[in-house]
Amino acid sequence: MALRPITRSPLLLLTLSVCLALPILAISTHILSIYRSEHATNPWWLPIWHAHFNTHGIIAVIITSCIIFAFDIVSIGLVVMGNKTDDKVSD
């Protein structure tokens, strides 16, 4: 199955978007998990820092990254399925 240039361009952009959304998701969840595991048990800075640290921003980044990733996967599926139906129509 050869992809046409018109189909290839959105597919490349969607793949780039997935490749950019996954590291953002991974880094954000890693930071949040470290914070949640150490904010109460670390005797040095995190108990003090806990009162001044707002996690709403990082949670918003995680949710947004998940939504972008889900939309990208759906869009890739639609592009691939659209390419398959175009091949059947042209036969």
C-alpha atoms as a PDB file:
ATOM      1  CA  MET A   1       0.000   0.000   0.000  1.00  0.00           C
ATOM      2  CA  ALA A   2       1.699   3.168  -1.187  1.00  0.00           C
ATOM      3  CA  LEU A   3       0.631   6.395   0.436  1.00  0.00           C
ATOM      4  CA  ARG A   4      -0.084   9.319  -1.831  1.00  0.00           C
ATOM      5  CA  PRO A   5       1.790  12.604  -1.163  1.00  0.00           C
ATOM      6  CA  ILE A   6      -1.463  14.242  -0.049  1.00  0.00           C
ATOM      7  CA  THR A   7      -1.967  11.511   2.554  1.00  0.00           C
ATOM      8  CA  ARG A   8       1.694  11.354   3.525  1.00  0.00           C
ATOM      9  CA  SER A   9       1.921  14.997   4.648  1.00  0.00           C
ATOM     10  CA  PRO A  10      -0.759  14.869   7.405  1.00  0.00           C
ATOM     11  CA  LEU A  11       0.538  11.491   8.482  1.00  0.00           C
ATOM     12  CA  LEU A  12       4.032  12.910   8.967  1.00  0.00           C
ATOM     13  CA  LEU A  13       2.673  15.884  10.902  1.00  0.00           C
ATOM     14  CA  LEU A  14       0.572  13.625  13.118  1.00  0.00           C
ATOM     15  CA  THR A  15       3.564  11.380  13.750  1.00  0.00           C
ATOM     16  CA  LEU A  16       5.623  14.428  14.703  1.00  0.00           C
ATOM     17  CA  SER A  17       2.860  15.531  17.059  1.00  0.00           C
ATOM     18  CA  VAL A  18       2.789  12.089  18.711  1.00  0.00           C
ATOM     19  CA  CYS A  19       6.576  12.136  19.037  1.00  0.00           C
ATOM     20  CA  LEU A  20       6.387  15.523  20.763  1.00  0.00           C
ATOM     21  CA  ALA A  21       3.399  14.730  23.002  1.00  0.00           C
ATOM     22  CA  LEU A  22       4.818  11.505  24.438  1.00  0.00           C
ATOM     23  CA  PRO A  23       8.011  13.006  25.952  1.00  0.00           C
ATOM     24  CA  ILE A  24       6.000  15.857  27.472  1.00  0.00           C
ATOM     25  CA  LEU A  25       3.635  13.317  29.005  1.00  0.00           C
ATOM     26  CA  ALA A  26       6.476  11.119  30.262  1.00  0.00           C
ATOM     27  CA  ILE A  27       8.482  13.948  31.830  1.00  0.00           C
ATOM     28  CA  SER A  28       5.445  15.546  33.465  1.00  0.00           C
ATOM     29  CA  THR A  29       4.218  12.306  34.997  1.00  0.00           C
ATOM     30  CA  HIS A  30       7.735  11.474  36.193  1.00  0.00           C
ATOM     31  CA  ILE A  31       8.064  14.863  37.910  1.00  0.00           C
ATOM     32  CA  LEU A  32       4.637  14.528  39.516  1.00  0.00           C
ATOM     33  CA  SER A  33       5.316  10.974  40.723  1.00  0.00           C
ATOM     34  CA  ILE A  34       8.640  11.999  42.294  1.00  0.00           C
ATOM     35  CA  TYR A  35       6.985  14.940  43.999  1.00  0.00           C
ATOM     36  CA  ARG A  36       4.112  12.829  45.334  1.00  0.00           C
ATOM     37  CA  SER A  37       6.417  10.086  46.607  1.00  0.00           C
ATOM     38  CA  GLU A  38       8.863  12.416  48.369  1.00  0.00           C
ATOM     39  CA  HIS A  39       6.952  15.471  49.558  1.00  0.00           C
ATOM     40  CA  ALA A  40       5.996  13.911  52.889  1.00  0.00           C
ATOM     41  CA  THR A  41       9.009  11.675  53.532  1.00  0.00           C
ATOM     42  CA  ASN A  42      11.935  13.894  52.549  1.00  0.00           C
ATOM     43  CA  PRO A  43      13.295  15.563  55.717  1.00  0.00           C
ATOM     44  CA  TRP A  44      15.065  18.360  53.875  1.00  0.00           C
ATOM     45  CA  TRP A  45      13.268  20.650  51.465  1.00  0.00           C
ATOM     46  CA  LEU A  46      10.143  19.038  50.117  1.00  0.00           C
ATOM     47  CA  PRO A  47       8.020  19.317  53.303  1.00  0.00           C
ATOM     48  CA  ILE A  48       8.707  23.070  53.332  1.00  0.00           C
ATOM     49  CA  TRP A  49       8.403  23.300  49.573  1.00  0.00           C
ATOM     50  CA  HIS A  50       5.064  21.471  49.678  1.00  0.00           C
ATOM     51  CA  ALA A  51       3.280  24.562  50.946  1.00  0.00           C
ATOM     52  CA  HIS A  52       4.631  26.639  48.061  1.00  0.00           C
ATOM     53  CA  PHE A  53       4.311  24.125  45.243  1.00  0.00           C
ATOM     54  CA  ASN A  54       1.197  24.254  43.073  1.00  0.00           C
ATOM     55  CA  THR A  55       0.576  21.036  41.126  1.00  0.00           C
ATOM     56  CA  HIS A  56      -2.380  22.321  39.102  1.00  0.00           C
ATOM     57  CA  GLY A  57      -0.161  23.423  36.220  1.00  0.00           C
ATOM     58  CA  ILE A  58       1.595  20.095  35.820  1.00  0.00           C
ATOM     59  CA  ILE A  59      -1.683  18.193  36.072  1.00  0.00           C
ATOM     60  CA  ALA A  60      -3.074  20.420  33.309  1.00  0.00           C
ATOM     61  CA  VAL A  61      -0.005  19.640  31.164  1.00  0.00           C
ATOM     62  CA  ILE A  62      -0.512  15.895  31.708  1.00  0.00           C
ATOM     63  CA  ILE A  63      -4.217  16.048  30.828  1.00  0.00           C
ATOM     64  CA  THR A  64      -3.583  18.198  27.750  1.00  0.00           C
ATOM     65  CA  SER A  65      -0.823  15.889  26.562  1.00  0.00           C
ATOM     66  CA  CYS A  66      -3.108  12.856  26.980  1.00  0.00           C
ATOM     67  CA  ILE A  67      -5.864  14.563  24.996  1.00  0.00           C
ATOM     68  CA  ILE A  68      -3.463  15.557  22.201  1.00  0.00           C
ATOM     69  CA  PHE A  69      -2.071  12.018  22.079  1.00  0.00           C
ATOM     70  CA  ALA A  70      -5.565  10.505  21.886  1.00  0.00           C
ATOM     71  CA  PHE A  71      -6.635  12.893  19.113  1.00  0.00           C
ATOM     72  CA  ASP A  72      -3.428  12.144  17.201  1.00  0.00           C
ATOM     73  CA  ILE A  73      -4.029   8.397  17.342  1.00  0.00           C
ATOM     74  CA  VAL A  74      -7.625   8.854  16.157  1.00  0.00           C
ATOM     75  CA  SER A  75      -6.463  11.172  13.366  1.00  0.00           C
ATOM     76  CA  ILE A  76      -3.787   8.724  12.225  1.00  0.00           C
ATOM     77  CA  GLY A  77      -6.426   6.002  12.088  1.00  0.00           C
ATOM     78  CA  LEU A  78      -8.732   8.221  10.053  1.00  0.00           C
ATOM     79  CA  VAL A  79      -5.953   9.126   7.601  1.00  0.00           C
ATOM     80  CA  VAL A  80      -4.985   5.478   7.135  1.00  0.00           C
ATOM     81  CA  MET A  81      -8.614   4.362   6.784  1.00  0.00           C
ATOM     82  CA  GLY A  82      -9.282   7.201   4.341  1.00  0.00           C
ATOM     83  CA  ASN A  83      -6.322   6.052   2.277  1.00  0.00           C
ATOM     84  CA  LYS A  84      -7.641   2.479   2.225  1.00  0.00           C
ATOM     85  CA  THR A  85     -11.129   3.537   1.127  1.00  0.00           C
ATOM     86  CA  ASP A  86      -9.684   5.769  -1.612  1.00  0.00           C
ATOM     87  CA  ASP A  87      -7.755   2.777  -2.970  1.00  0.00           C
ATOM     88  CA  LYS A  88     -10.935   0.663  -3.109  1.00  0.00           C
ATOM     89  CA  VAL A  89     -12.893   3.384  -4.895  1.00  0.00           C
ATOM     90  CA  SER A  90     -10.240   3.868  -7.582  1.00  0.00           C
ATOM     91  CA  ASP A  91     -10.158   0.145  -8.465  1.00  0.00           C
END
